[in-house]
């Protein structure tokens, strides 16, 4: 098992971004939530306690206590939940790991970064604004770009995946959850070497 439940004050915060509600379940914008789902399935964890406007769980990974959150604020206000939890547990930005979708990365690929801009992602923009920092690690889950430049981006990211795309995204979401484990246990360089596509 990657994660084991344990009470106590966490030293890491891992945020999985998405939109709540069944209508968004298998959309590109919910890649982060899909990674949380894969972690729950493979490790018998339930991220289901409502706190900080998010579904949460406190777990342990190696010697590290980890606070897992799935913000329920909708994507554009994700920073409210992340910053509230970070302030409460006094977790610095460099120990806040965020998993989310990225249209600039092909479907099925991952990219791990130490920090960076929001890249046009509203959830990351909200987190940067609420934390007052962009110096947090992130795992980007590729969902691919729209088929042509004039395609409406909102329609693309909240559009439903076909069955083939869904299988690919679930596989990469599972890999993203494993990459989060690697990053926390062995550092970001190890995670980048193993999981950056």
N, C-alpha and C. Protein backbone atom coordinates (compact mmCIF):
# COMPACT_ATOMS: atom_id res chain seq x y z
N UNK A 1 0.84 -1.20 0.00
CA UNK A 1 0.00 0.00 0.00
C UNK A 1 0.87 1.25 0.00
N UNK A 2 0.48 2.26 -0.77
CA UNK A 2 1.24 3.50 -0.82
C UNK A 2 0.99 4.35 0.41
N UNK A 3 -0.27 4.51 0.75
CA UNK A 3 -0.66 5.40 1.84
C UNK A 3 -1.34 4.59 2.94
N UNK A 4 -1.09 4.95 4.19
CA UNK A 4 -1.73 4.31 5.34
C UNK A 4 -2.33 5.41 6.20
N UNK A 5 -3.57 5.22 6.61
CA UNK A 5 -4.22 6.22 7.46
C UNK A 5 -3.45 6.41 8.76
N UNK A 6 -3.28 7.66 9.16
CA UNK A 6 -2.68 7.94 10.45
C UNK A 6 -3.09 9.33 10.89
N UNK A 7 -3.46 9.47 12.16
CA UNK A 7 -3.82 10.78 12.68
C UNK A 7 -2.56 11.60 12.93
N UNK A 8 -2.73 12.92 12.96
CA UNK A 8 -1.60 13.79 13.26
C UNK A 8 -1.53 14.95 12.31
N UNK A 9 -0.64 15.87 12.58
CA UNK A 9 -0.49 17.06 11.76
C UNK A 9 0.35 16.76 10.53
N UNK A 10 -0.17 16.96 9.34
CA UNK A 10 0.56 16.59 8.12
C UNK A 10 1.67 17.57 7.77
N UNK A 11 2.68 17.06 7.09
CA UNK A 11 3.79 17.89 6.62
C UNK A 11 3.69 18.14 5.11
N UNK A 12 2.80 17.43 4.43
CA UNK A 12 2.55 17.63 3.00
C UNK A 12 1.06 17.82 2.76
N UNK A 13 0.74 18.61 1.75
CA UNK A 13 -0.63 18.74 1.27
C UNK A 13 -0.64 18.32 -0.20
N UNK A 14 -1.50 17.39 -0.56
CA UNK A 14 -1.65 16.98 -1.96
C UNK A 14 -3.06 17.33 -2.41
N UNK A 15 -3.15 18.21 -3.41
CA UNK A 15 -4.44 18.68 -3.90
C UNK A 15 -4.71 18.10 -5.28
N UNK A 16 -5.87 17.46 -5.42
CA UNK A 16 -6.32 16.89 -6.69
C UNK A 16 -7.42 17.81 -7.22
N UNK A 17 -7.21 18.42 -8.39
CA UNK A 17 -8.16 19.41 -8.89
C UNK A 17 -9.21 18.80 -9.81
N UNK A 18 -10.42 19.35 -9.72
CA UNK A 18 -11.52 18.93 -10.56
C UNK A 18 -12.77 19.70 -10.20
N UNK A 19 -13.88 19.30 -10.79
CA UNK A 19 -15.19 19.89 -10.50
C UNK A 19 -16.08 18.83 -9.86
N UNK A 20 -16.78 19.17 -8.78
CA UNK A 20 -17.67 18.20 -8.15
C UNK A 20 -18.92 17.96 -8.98
N UNK A 21 -19.53 16.79 -8.80
CA UNK A 21 -20.78 16.47 -9.47
C UNK A 21 -20.60 15.43 -10.56
N UNK A 22 -21.59 14.54 -10.71
CA UNK A 22 -21.49 13.44 -11.67
C UNK A 22 -21.37 13.90 -13.12
N UNK A 23 -21.89 15.08 -13.43
CA UNK A 23 -21.84 15.56 -14.82
C UNK A 23 -20.40 15.87 -15.27
N UNK A 24 -19.48 16.03 -14.32
CA UNK A 24 -18.09 16.34 -14.66
C UNK A 24 -17.15 15.15 -14.49
N UNK A 25 -17.69 14.00 -14.11
CA UNK A 25 -16.84 12.90 -13.64
C UNK A 25 -15.76 12.49 -14.64
N UNK A 26 -16.14 12.19 -15.87
CA UNK A 26 -15.14 11.76 -16.86
C UNK A 26 -14.93 12.85 -17.92
N UNK A 27 -14.55 14.02 -17.43
CA UNK A 27 -14.18 15.12 -18.32
C UNK A 27 -12.68 15.38 -18.18
N UNK A 28 -12.11 16.06 -19.14
CA UNK A 28 -10.68 16.34 -19.12
C UNK A 28 -10.28 17.16 -17.89
N UNK A 29 -11.14 18.09 -17.51
CA UNK A 29 -10.83 18.98 -16.38
C UNK A 29 -10.80 18.22 -15.05
N UNK A 30 -11.30 16.99 -15.03
CA UNK A 30 -11.33 16.22 -13.79
C UNK A 30 -10.21 15.20 -13.69
N UNK A 31 -9.15 15.40 -14.45
CA UNK A 31 -8.01 14.47 -14.40
C UNK A 31 -7.45 14.36 -12.98
N UNK A 32 -7.41 15.48 -12.26
CA UNK A 32 -6.91 15.45 -10.89
C UNK A 32 -7.79 14.60 -9.98
N UNK A 33 -9.11 14.75 -10.10
CA UNK A 33 -10.03 13.93 -9.32
C UNK A 33 -9.87 12.45 -9.69
N UNK A 34 -9.64 12.16 -10.97
CA UNK A 34 -9.44 10.77 -11.39
C UNK A 34 -8.19 10.18 -10.74
N UNK A 35 -7.14 10.99 -10.59
CA UNK A 35 -5.94 10.52 -9.90
C UNK A 35 -6.26 10.20 -8.44
N UNK A 36 -7.07 11.04 -7.80
CA UNK A 36 -7.49 10.77 -6.43
C UNK A 36 -8.29 9.48 -6.35
N UNK A 37 -9.18 9.27 -7.33
CA UNK A 37 -9.98 8.04 -7.35
C UNK A 37 -9.11 6.80 -7.47
N UNK A 38 -8.08 6.89 -8.31
CA UNK A 38 -7.17 5.75 -8.50
C UNK A 38 -6.39 5.46 -7.22
N UNK A 39 -5.99 6.52 -6.54
CA UNK A 39 -5.30 6.35 -5.26
C UNK A 39 -6.22 5.69 -4.23
N UNK A 40 -7.47 6.14 -4.20
CA UNK A 40 -8.44 5.54 -3.27
C UNK A 40 -8.62 4.05 -3.54
N UNK A 41 -8.79 3.70 -4.82
CA UNK A 41 -9.04 2.30 -5.19
C UNK A 41 -7.87 1.39 -4.84
N UNK A 42 -6.67 1.81 -5.17
CA UNK A 42 -5.50 0.95 -5.01
C UNK A 42 -4.98 0.89 -3.58
N UNK A 43 -5.41 1.83 -2.74
CA UNK A 43 -4.84 1.90 -1.39
C UNK A 43 -5.88 1.89 -0.28
N UNK A 44 -7.14 1.61 -0.65
CA UNK A 44 -8.19 1.51 0.36
C UNK A 44 -8.28 2.77 1.23
N UNK A 45 -8.27 3.91 0.58
CA UNK A 45 -8.40 5.21 1.24
C UNK A 45 -9.70 5.85 0.79
N UNK A 46 -10.34 6.56 1.69
CA UNK A 46 -11.52 7.33 1.34
C UNK A 46 -11.25 8.81 1.59
N UNK A 47 -11.24 9.57 0.52
CA UNK A 47 -11.09 11.03 0.64
C UNK A 47 -12.51 11.58 0.72
N UNK A 48 -13.06 11.61 1.91
CA UNK A 48 -14.50 11.89 2.03
C UNK A 48 -14.89 12.76 3.23
N UNK A 49 -13.92 13.26 3.98
CA UNK A 49 -14.27 14.12 5.11
C UNK A 49 -14.31 15.57 4.65
N UNK A 50 -15.45 16.23 4.83
CA UNK A 50 -15.60 17.61 4.35
C UNK A 50 -14.94 18.59 5.31
N UNK A 51 -13.94 19.29 4.80
CA UNK A 51 -13.19 20.27 5.59
C UNK A 51 -12.53 21.23 4.61
N UNK A 52 -12.45 22.51 4.98
CA UNK A 52 -11.83 23.53 4.12
C UNK A 52 -12.48 23.59 2.74
N UNK A 53 -13.78 23.38 2.65
CA UNK A 53 -14.50 23.36 1.36
C UNK A 53 -13.93 22.31 0.42
N UNK A 54 -13.50 21.19 0.98
CA UNK A 54 -12.91 20.10 0.20
C UNK A 54 -13.23 18.77 0.85
N UNK A 55 -13.20 17.71 0.05
CA UNK A 55 -13.20 16.36 0.60
C UNK A 55 -11.76 16.02 0.95
N UNK A 56 -11.54 15.47 2.14
CA UNK A 56 -10.19 15.33 2.65
C UNK A 56 -9.94 13.97 3.29
N UNK A 57 -8.66 13.68 3.48
CA UNK A 57 -8.21 12.52 4.25
C UNK A 57 -6.80 12.81 4.76
N UNK A 58 -6.49 12.34 5.96
CA UNK A 58 -5.13 12.41 6.48
C UNK A 58 -4.54 11.00 6.41
N UNK A 59 -3.37 10.88 5.80
CA UNK A 59 -2.75 9.58 5.60
C UNK A 59 -1.26 9.68 5.91
N UNK A 60 -0.56 8.57 5.78
CA UNK A 60 0.89 8.58 5.96
C UNK A 60 1.56 7.90 4.78
N UNK A 61 2.66 8.48 4.35
CA UNK A 61 3.46 7.93 3.27
C UNK A 61 4.89 7.88 3.76
N UNK A 62 5.40 6.69 4.00
CA UNK A 62 6.72 6.57 4.63
C UNK A 62 6.67 7.24 5.99
N UNK A 63 7.58 8.17 6.22
CA UNK A 63 7.61 8.92 7.48
C UNK A 63 6.81 10.22 7.40
N UNK A 64 6.21 10.48 6.24
CA UNK A 64 5.53 11.76 6.02
C UNK A 64 4.02 11.62 6.22
N UNK A 65 3.46 12.50 7.05
CA UNK A 65 2.00 12.60 7.14
C UNK A 65 1.53 13.50 6.00
N UNK A 66 0.48 13.08 5.34
CA UNK A 66 0.02 13.75 4.12
C UNK A 66 -1.47 14.07 4.23
N UNK A 67 -1.83 15.31 3.88
CA UNK A 67 -3.23 15.73 3.86
C UNK A 67 -3.68 15.77 2.41
N UNK A 68 -4.64 14.93 2.05
CA UNK A 68 -5.16 14.84 0.70
C UNK A 68 -6.44 15.65 0.58
N UNK A 69 -6.58 16.44 -0.48
CA UNK A 69 -7.81 17.21 -0.65
C UNK A 69 -8.30 17.18 -2.09
N UNK A 70 -9.63 17.15 -2.21
CA UNK A 70 -10.32 17.33 -3.49
C UNK A 70 -11.23 18.54 -3.31
N UNK A 71 -10.79 19.74 -3.70
CA UNK A 71 -11.62 20.93 -3.52
C UNK A 71 -13.00 20.77 -4.14
N UNK A 72 -13.99 21.23 -3.40
CA UNK A 72 -15.39 21.15 -3.86
C UNK A 72 -15.92 22.52 -4.27
N UNK A 73 -15.01 23.45 -4.52
CA UNK A 73 -15.35 24.85 -4.81
C UNK A 73 -15.63 25.10 -6.28
N UNK A 74 -15.47 24.09 -7.11
CA UNK A 74 -15.35 24.20 -8.56
C UNK A 74 -13.96 24.75 -8.89
N UNK A 75 -13.50 24.39 -10.07
CA UNK A 75 -12.10 24.58 -10.45
C UNK A 75 -11.59 25.99 -10.22
N UNK A 76 -12.35 26.99 -10.65
CA UNK A 76 -11.84 28.36 -10.66
C UNK A 76 -11.59 28.93 -9.27
N UNK A 77 -12.09 28.27 -8.23
CA UNK A 77 -11.89 28.74 -6.85
C UNK A 77 -11.10 27.73 -6.03
N UNK A 78 -10.36 26.86 -6.68
CA UNK A 78 -9.59 25.82 -5.99
C UNK A 78 -8.66 26.38 -4.93
N UNK A 79 -8.12 27.56 -5.18
CA UNK A 79 -7.17 28.16 -4.25
C UNK A 79 -7.74 28.40 -2.87
N UNK A 80 -9.05 28.65 -2.77
CA UNK A 80 -9.67 28.88 -1.46
C UNK A 80 -9.47 27.68 -0.55
N UNK A 81 -9.72 26.49 -1.08
CA UNK A 81 -9.58 25.26 -0.29
C UNK A 81 -8.11 24.96 0.01
N UNK A 82 -7.26 25.07 -1.01
CA UNK A 82 -5.84 24.75 -0.84
C UNK A 82 -5.19 25.69 0.18
N UNK A 83 -5.43 26.98 0.04
CA UNK A 83 -4.80 27.95 0.94
C UNK A 83 -5.33 27.82 2.37
N UNK A 84 -6.62 27.53 2.52
CA UNK A 84 -7.18 27.36 3.87
C UNK A 84 -6.52 26.19 4.59
N UNK A 85 -6.37 25.06 3.90
CA UNK A 85 -5.72 23.89 4.49
C UNK A 85 -4.25 24.16 4.78
N UNK A 86 -3.57 24.82 3.84
CA UNK A 86 -2.15 25.12 4.02
C UNK A 86 -1.92 26.04 5.22
N UNK A 87 -2.78 27.03 5.38
CA UNK A 87 -2.64 27.94 6.53
C UNK A 87 -2.90 27.20 7.84
N UNK A 88 -3.94 26.38 7.86
CA UNK A 88 -4.31 25.66 9.09
C UNK A 88 -3.17 24.75 9.55
N UNK A 89 -2.57 24.02 8.62
CA UNK A 89 -1.51 23.07 8.98
C UNK A 89 -0.11 23.66 8.85
N UNK A 90 -0.03 24.95 8.47
CA UNK A 90 1.26 25.64 8.32
C UNK A 90 2.20 24.89 7.36
N UNK A 91 1.64 24.53 6.22
CA UNK A 91 2.40 23.82 5.19
C UNK A 91 2.91 24.84 4.17
N UNK A 92 4.22 24.90 3.94
CA UNK A 92 4.78 25.87 2.99
C UNK A 92 4.51 25.46 1.54
N UNK A 93 4.56 26.40 0.60
CA UNK A 93 4.26 26.09 -0.81
C UNK A 93 5.07 24.93 -1.38
N UNK A 94 6.34 24.82 -1.00
CA UNK A 94 7.17 23.76 -1.58
C UNK A 94 6.74 22.36 -1.15
N UNK A 95 5.81 22.27 -0.19
CA UNK A 95 5.26 20.98 0.23
C UNK A 95 3.77 20.86 -0.10
N UNK A 96 3.32 21.68 -1.05
CA UNK A 96 1.96 21.59 -1.57
C UNK A 96 2.04 21.05 -2.99
N UNK A 97 1.62 19.82 -3.17
CA UNK A 97 1.69 19.16 -4.48
C UNK A 97 0.30 19.18 -5.12
N UNK A 98 0.22 19.67 -6.35
CA UNK A 98 -1.06 19.82 -7.03
C UNK A 98 -1.08 18.94 -8.28
N UNK A 99 -2.15 18.14 -8.44
CA UNK A 99 -2.34 17.29 -9.62
C UNK A 99 -3.52 17.84 -10.41
N UNK A 100 -3.31 18.06 -11.72
CA UNK A 100 -4.34 18.70 -12.53
C UNK A 100 -4.14 18.39 -14.01
N UNK A 101 -5.16 18.72 -14.80
CA UNK A 101 -5.14 18.50 -16.25
C UNK A 101 -4.35 19.59 -16.96
N UNK A 102 -3.78 19.22 -18.12
CA UNK A 102 -3.06 20.20 -18.93
C UNK A 102 -3.33 19.92 -20.40
N UNK A 103 -3.91 20.90 -21.09
CA UNK A 103 -4.25 20.74 -22.51
C UNK A 103 -3.02 20.85 -23.41
N UNK A 104 -1.90 21.34 -22.87
CA UNK A 104 -0.69 21.50 -23.66
C UNK A 104 0.18 20.24 -23.68
N UNK A 105 -0.28 19.20 -22.99
CA UNK A 105 0.44 17.92 -22.94
C UNK A 105 -0.46 16.86 -23.58
N UNK A 106 0.09 16.00 -24.43
CA UNK A 106 -0.73 14.98 -25.08
C UNK A 106 -1.43 14.06 -24.08
N UNK A 107 -2.59 13.59 -24.45
CA UNK A 107 -3.34 12.65 -23.63
C UNK A 107 -2.46 11.44 -23.30
N UNK A 108 -2.42 11.07 -22.03
CA UNK A 108 -1.65 9.91 -21.61
C UNK A 108 -0.26 10.22 -21.11
N UNK A 109 0.19 11.47 -21.23
CA UNK A 109 1.53 11.86 -20.80
C UNK A 109 1.46 12.64 -19.49
N UNK A 110 2.55 12.60 -18.73
CA UNK A 110 2.67 13.36 -17.49
C UNK A 110 3.84 14.33 -17.59
N UNK A 111 3.74 15.42 -16.83
CA UNK A 111 4.87 16.33 -16.69
C UNK A 111 4.91 16.86 -15.27
N UNK A 112 6.03 16.68 -14.62
CA UNK A 112 6.21 17.13 -13.23
C UNK A 112 7.09 18.37 -13.25
N UNK A 113 6.67 19.39 -12.50
CA UNK A 113 7.41 20.65 -12.43
C UNK A 113 7.55 21.10 -10.97
N UNK A 114 8.66 21.79 -10.68
CA UNK A 114 8.89 22.31 -9.32
C UNK A 114 7.98 23.50 -9.02
N UNK A 115 7.70 24.31 -10.05
CA UNK A 115 6.94 25.55 -9.89
C UNK A 115 6.58 26.04 -11.29
N UNK A 116 6.12 27.27 -11.38
CA UNK A 116 5.82 27.81 -12.70
C UNK A 116 4.60 28.71 -12.69
N UNK A 117 4.25 29.18 -13.87
CA UNK A 117 3.08 30.05 -14.02
C UNK A 117 1.81 29.20 -14.04
N UNK A 118 0.67 29.86 -14.17
CA UNK A 118 -0.59 29.10 -14.22
C UNK A 118 -0.81 28.45 -15.58
N UNK A 119 -0.09 28.89 -16.62
CA UNK A 119 -0.22 28.30 -17.94
C UNK A 119 -1.62 28.39 -18.51
N UNK A 120 -2.42 29.36 -18.03
CA UNK A 120 -3.78 29.50 -18.49
C UNK A 120 -4.79 28.63 -17.76
N UNK A 121 -4.33 27.87 -16.76
CA UNK A 121 -5.23 26.98 -16.01
C UNK A 121 -5.85 27.75 -14.86
N UNK A 122 -7.19 27.85 -14.86
CA UNK A 122 -7.88 28.69 -13.86
C UNK A 122 -7.70 28.17 -12.43
N UNK A 123 -7.64 26.85 -12.27
CA UNK A 123 -7.44 26.30 -10.93
C UNK A 123 -6.09 26.66 -10.37
N UNK A 124 -5.04 26.57 -11.20
CA UNK A 124 -3.69 26.93 -10.77
C UNK A 124 -3.60 28.44 -10.54
N UNK A 125 -4.24 29.21 -11.39
CA UNK A 125 -4.27 30.67 -11.20
C UNK A 125 -4.86 31.01 -9.84
N UNK A 126 -5.94 30.34 -9.46
CA UNK A 126 -6.58 30.58 -8.17
C UNK A 126 -5.66 30.20 -7.01
N UNK A 127 -4.96 29.08 -7.14
CA UNK A 127 -4.05 28.64 -6.07
C UNK A 127 -2.90 29.62 -5.90
N UNK A 128 -2.31 30.06 -7.02
CA UNK A 128 -1.22 31.04 -6.95
C UNK A 128 -1.69 32.32 -6.27
N UNK A 129 -2.89 32.79 -6.65
CA UNK A 129 -3.42 34.02 -6.06
C UNK A 129 -3.66 33.87 -4.56
N UNK A 130 -4.23 32.74 -4.15
CA UNK A 130 -4.57 32.56 -2.75
C UNK A 130 -3.36 32.25 -1.87
N UNK A 131 -2.37 31.57 -2.43
CA UNK A 131 -1.14 31.29 -1.67
C UNK A 131 -0.18 32.48 -1.70
N UNK A 132 -0.30 33.31 -2.73
CA UNK A 132 0.67 34.38 -2.91
C UNK A 132 2.02 33.85 -3.36
N UNK A 133 2.01 32.68 -3.99
CA UNK A 133 3.25 32.04 -4.43
C UNK A 133 2.95 31.06 -5.56
N UNK A 134 3.91 30.94 -6.47
CA UNK A 134 3.82 29.92 -7.53
C UNK A 134 4.86 28.83 -7.31
N UNK A 135 5.51 28.86 -6.15
CA UNK A 135 6.61 27.94 -5.87
C UNK A 135 6.13 26.64 -5.23
N UNK A 136 5.16 26.00 -5.87
CA UNK A 136 4.69 24.70 -5.39
C UNK A 136 4.84 23.68 -6.53
N UNK A 137 5.22 22.42 -6.17
CA UNK A 137 5.36 21.39 -7.19
C UNK A 137 4.02 20.98 -7.76
N UNK A 138 4.04 20.51 -8.98
CA UNK A 138 2.79 20.10 -9.62
C UNK A 138 3.02 18.92 -10.55
N UNK A 139 1.99 18.10 -10.66
CA UNK A 139 1.99 16.99 -11.61
C UNK A 139 0.89 17.28 -12.62
N UNK A 140 1.30 17.53 -13.86
CA UNK A 140 0.37 17.85 -14.92
C UNK A 140 -0.01 16.57 -15.65
N UNK A 141 -1.29 16.35 -15.80
CA UNK A 141 -1.82 15.16 -16.47
C UNK A 141 -2.31 15.58 -17.85
N UNK A 142 -1.64 15.10 -18.87
CA UNK A 142 -1.99 15.52 -20.23
C UNK A 142 -3.38 15.08 -20.65
N UNK A 143 -4.12 16.03 -21.23
CA UNK A 143 -5.45 15.71 -21.76
C UNK A 143 -5.55 16.06 -23.25
N UNK A 144 -4.48 16.64 -23.80
CA UNK A 144 -4.48 16.98 -25.22
C UNK A 144 -5.20 18.27 -25.54
N UNK A 145 -4.83 18.85 -26.65
CA UNK A 145 -5.42 20.11 -27.11
C UNK A 145 -6.67 19.86 -27.94
N UNK A 146 -7.54 20.87 -28.06
CA UNK A 146 -8.71 20.73 -28.94
C UNK A 146 -8.29 20.42 -30.37
N UNK A 147 -9.20 19.84 -31.16
CA UNK A 147 -8.86 19.41 -32.53
C UNK A 147 -8.52 20.55 -33.48
N UNK A 148 -8.98 21.76 -33.22
CA UNK A 148 -8.62 22.90 -34.06
C UNK A 148 -8.60 24.18 -33.22
N UNK A 149 -7.87 25.21 -33.65
CA UNK A 149 -7.65 26.42 -32.84
C UNK A 149 -8.92 27.17 -32.44
N UNK A 150 -9.98 27.06 -33.25
CA UNK A 150 -11.20 27.81 -32.96
C UNK A 150 -12.14 27.07 -31.99
N UNK A 151 -11.76 25.89 -31.58
CA UNK A 151 -12.60 25.09 -30.69
C UNK A 151 -12.71 25.79 -29.33
N UNK A 152 -13.90 25.85 -28.77
CA UNK A 152 -14.11 26.51 -27.48
C UNK A 152 -13.42 25.72 -26.37
N UNK A 153 -12.50 26.37 -25.66
CA UNK A 153 -11.68 25.67 -24.67
C UNK A 153 -12.52 25.14 -23.50
N UNK A 154 -13.50 25.91 -23.06
CA UNK A 154 -14.35 25.45 -21.95
C UNK A 154 -15.10 24.18 -22.35
N UNK A 155 -15.65 24.19 -23.55
CA UNK A 155 -16.35 23.00 -24.05
C UNK A 155 -15.42 21.79 -24.12
N UNK A 156 -14.16 22.06 -24.47
CA UNK A 156 -13.19 20.97 -24.58
C UNK A 156 -12.88 20.36 -23.22
N UNK A 157 -12.56 21.21 -22.22
CA UNK A 157 -12.11 20.66 -20.94
C UNK A 157 -13.24 20.05 -20.11
N UNK A 158 -14.48 20.50 -20.33
CA UNK A 158 -15.58 19.88 -19.58
C UNK A 158 -16.40 18.92 -20.44
N UNK A 159 -15.89 18.67 -21.66
CA UNK A 159 -16.55 17.70 -22.53
C UNK A 159 -16.25 16.27 -22.10
N UNK A 160 -17.20 15.39 -22.37
CA UNK A 160 -17.04 13.98 -22.01
C UNK A 160 -16.02 13.30 -22.92
N UNK A 161 -15.26 12.37 -22.34
CA UNK A 161 -14.31 11.57 -23.10
C UNK A 161 -15.00 10.37 -23.71
N UNK A 162 -14.52 9.92 -24.88
CA UNK A 162 -15.04 8.66 -25.40
C UNK A 162 -14.37 7.50 -24.63
N UNK A 163 -14.80 6.29 -24.87
CA UNK A 163 -14.33 5.16 -24.06
C UNK A 163 -12.82 4.93 -24.19
N UNK A 164 -12.29 5.10 -25.38
CA UNK A 164 -10.85 4.91 -25.58
C UNK A 164 -10.06 5.98 -24.83
N UNK A 165 -10.49 7.23 -24.96
CA UNK A 165 -9.82 8.32 -24.26
C UNK A 165 -9.91 8.14 -22.74
N UNK A 166 -11.07 7.69 -22.29
CA UNK A 166 -11.28 7.48 -20.85
C UNK A 166 -10.28 6.48 -20.30
N UNK A 167 -10.08 5.38 -21.01
CA UNK A 167 -9.13 4.35 -20.57
C UNK A 167 -7.71 4.92 -20.48
N UNK A 168 -7.33 5.71 -21.48
CA UNK A 168 -5.99 6.31 -21.49
C UNK A 168 -5.83 7.27 -20.31
N UNK A 169 -6.85 8.09 -20.07
CA UNK A 169 -6.76 9.08 -18.99
C UNK A 169 -6.74 8.40 -17.62
N UNK A 170 -7.50 7.35 -17.44
CA UNK A 170 -7.49 6.62 -16.16
C UNK A 170 -6.11 6.02 -15.91
N UNK A 171 -5.49 5.47 -16.97
CA UNK A 171 -4.15 4.91 -16.83
C UNK A 171 -3.14 5.98 -16.43
N UNK A 172 -3.22 7.15 -17.06
CA UNK A 172 -2.27 8.22 -16.72
C UNK A 172 -2.59 8.82 -15.36
N UNK A 173 -3.87 8.83 -14.96
CA UNK A 173 -4.24 9.31 -13.62
C UNK A 173 -3.65 8.40 -12.55
N UNK A 174 -3.67 7.09 -12.82
CA UNK A 174 -3.06 6.14 -11.89
C UNK A 174 -1.55 6.39 -11.79
N UNK A 175 -0.91 6.62 -12.93
CA UNK A 175 0.53 6.91 -12.93
C UNK A 175 0.82 8.21 -12.18
N UNK A 176 -0.08 9.20 -12.29
CA UNK A 176 0.10 10.46 -11.57
C UNK A 176 0.05 10.25 -10.06
N UNK A 177 -0.86 9.39 -9.60
CA UNK A 177 -0.94 9.08 -8.18
C UNK A 177 0.34 8.40 -7.71
N UNK A 178 0.89 7.51 -8.54
CA UNK A 178 2.15 6.85 -8.21
C UNK A 178 3.31 7.85 -8.21
N UNK A 179 3.26 8.82 -9.13
CA UNK A 179 4.30 9.85 -9.19
C UNK A 179 4.27 10.73 -7.94
N UNK A 180 3.07 10.98 -7.42
CA UNK A 180 2.96 11.76 -6.18
C UNK A 180 3.65 11.02 -5.04
N UNK A 181 3.43 9.73 -4.98
CA UNK A 181 4.09 8.90 -3.96
C UNK A 181 5.60 8.99 -4.10
N UNK A 182 6.09 8.85 -5.33
CA UNK A 182 7.54 8.91 -5.58
C UNK A 182 8.12 10.25 -5.18
N UNK A 183 7.41 11.32 -5.52
CA UNK A 183 7.90 12.67 -5.22
C UNK A 183 8.04 12.87 -3.71
N UNK A 184 7.02 12.47 -2.96
CA UNK A 184 7.05 12.68 -1.51
C UNK A 184 8.09 11.77 -0.84
N UNK A 185 8.20 10.54 -1.31
CA UNK A 185 9.15 9.60 -0.69
C UNK A 185 10.59 9.89 -1.06
N UNK A 186 10.84 10.18 -2.35
CA UNK A 186 12.22 10.20 -2.85
C UNK A 186 12.64 11.51 -3.50
N UNK A 187 11.76 12.51 -3.48
CA UNK A 187 12.13 13.82 -4.00
C UNK A 187 11.67 14.04 -5.43
N UNK A 188 11.62 15.30 -5.80
CA UNK A 188 11.06 15.66 -7.10
C UNK A 188 11.96 15.22 -8.26
N UNK A 189 13.29 15.22 -8.06
CA UNK A 189 14.18 14.79 -9.15
C UNK A 189 13.92 13.34 -9.52
N UNK A 190 13.74 12.50 -8.51
CA UNK A 190 13.45 11.09 -8.78
C UNK A 190 12.12 10.93 -9.51
N UNK A 191 11.12 11.69 -9.06
CA UNK A 191 9.80 11.62 -9.71
C UNK A 191 9.88 12.09 -11.16
N UNK A 192 10.61 13.18 -11.40
CA UNK A 192 10.75 13.70 -12.76
C UNK A 192 11.45 12.69 -13.67
N UNK A 193 12.51 12.07 -13.15
CA UNK A 193 13.24 11.09 -13.95
C UNK A 193 12.39 9.90 -14.32
N UNK A 194 11.51 9.48 -13.41
CA UNK A 194 10.70 8.29 -13.64
C UNK A 194 9.43 8.55 -14.45
N UNK A 195 8.84 9.74 -14.27
CA UNK A 195 7.48 9.94 -14.80
C UNK A 195 7.34 11.03 -15.85
N UNK A 196 8.32 11.92 -15.98
CA UNK A 196 8.19 12.93 -17.04
C UNK A 196 8.26 12.26 -18.40
N UNK A 197 7.29 12.55 -19.24
CA UNK A 197 7.21 11.90 -20.55
C UNK A 197 8.17 12.54 -21.52
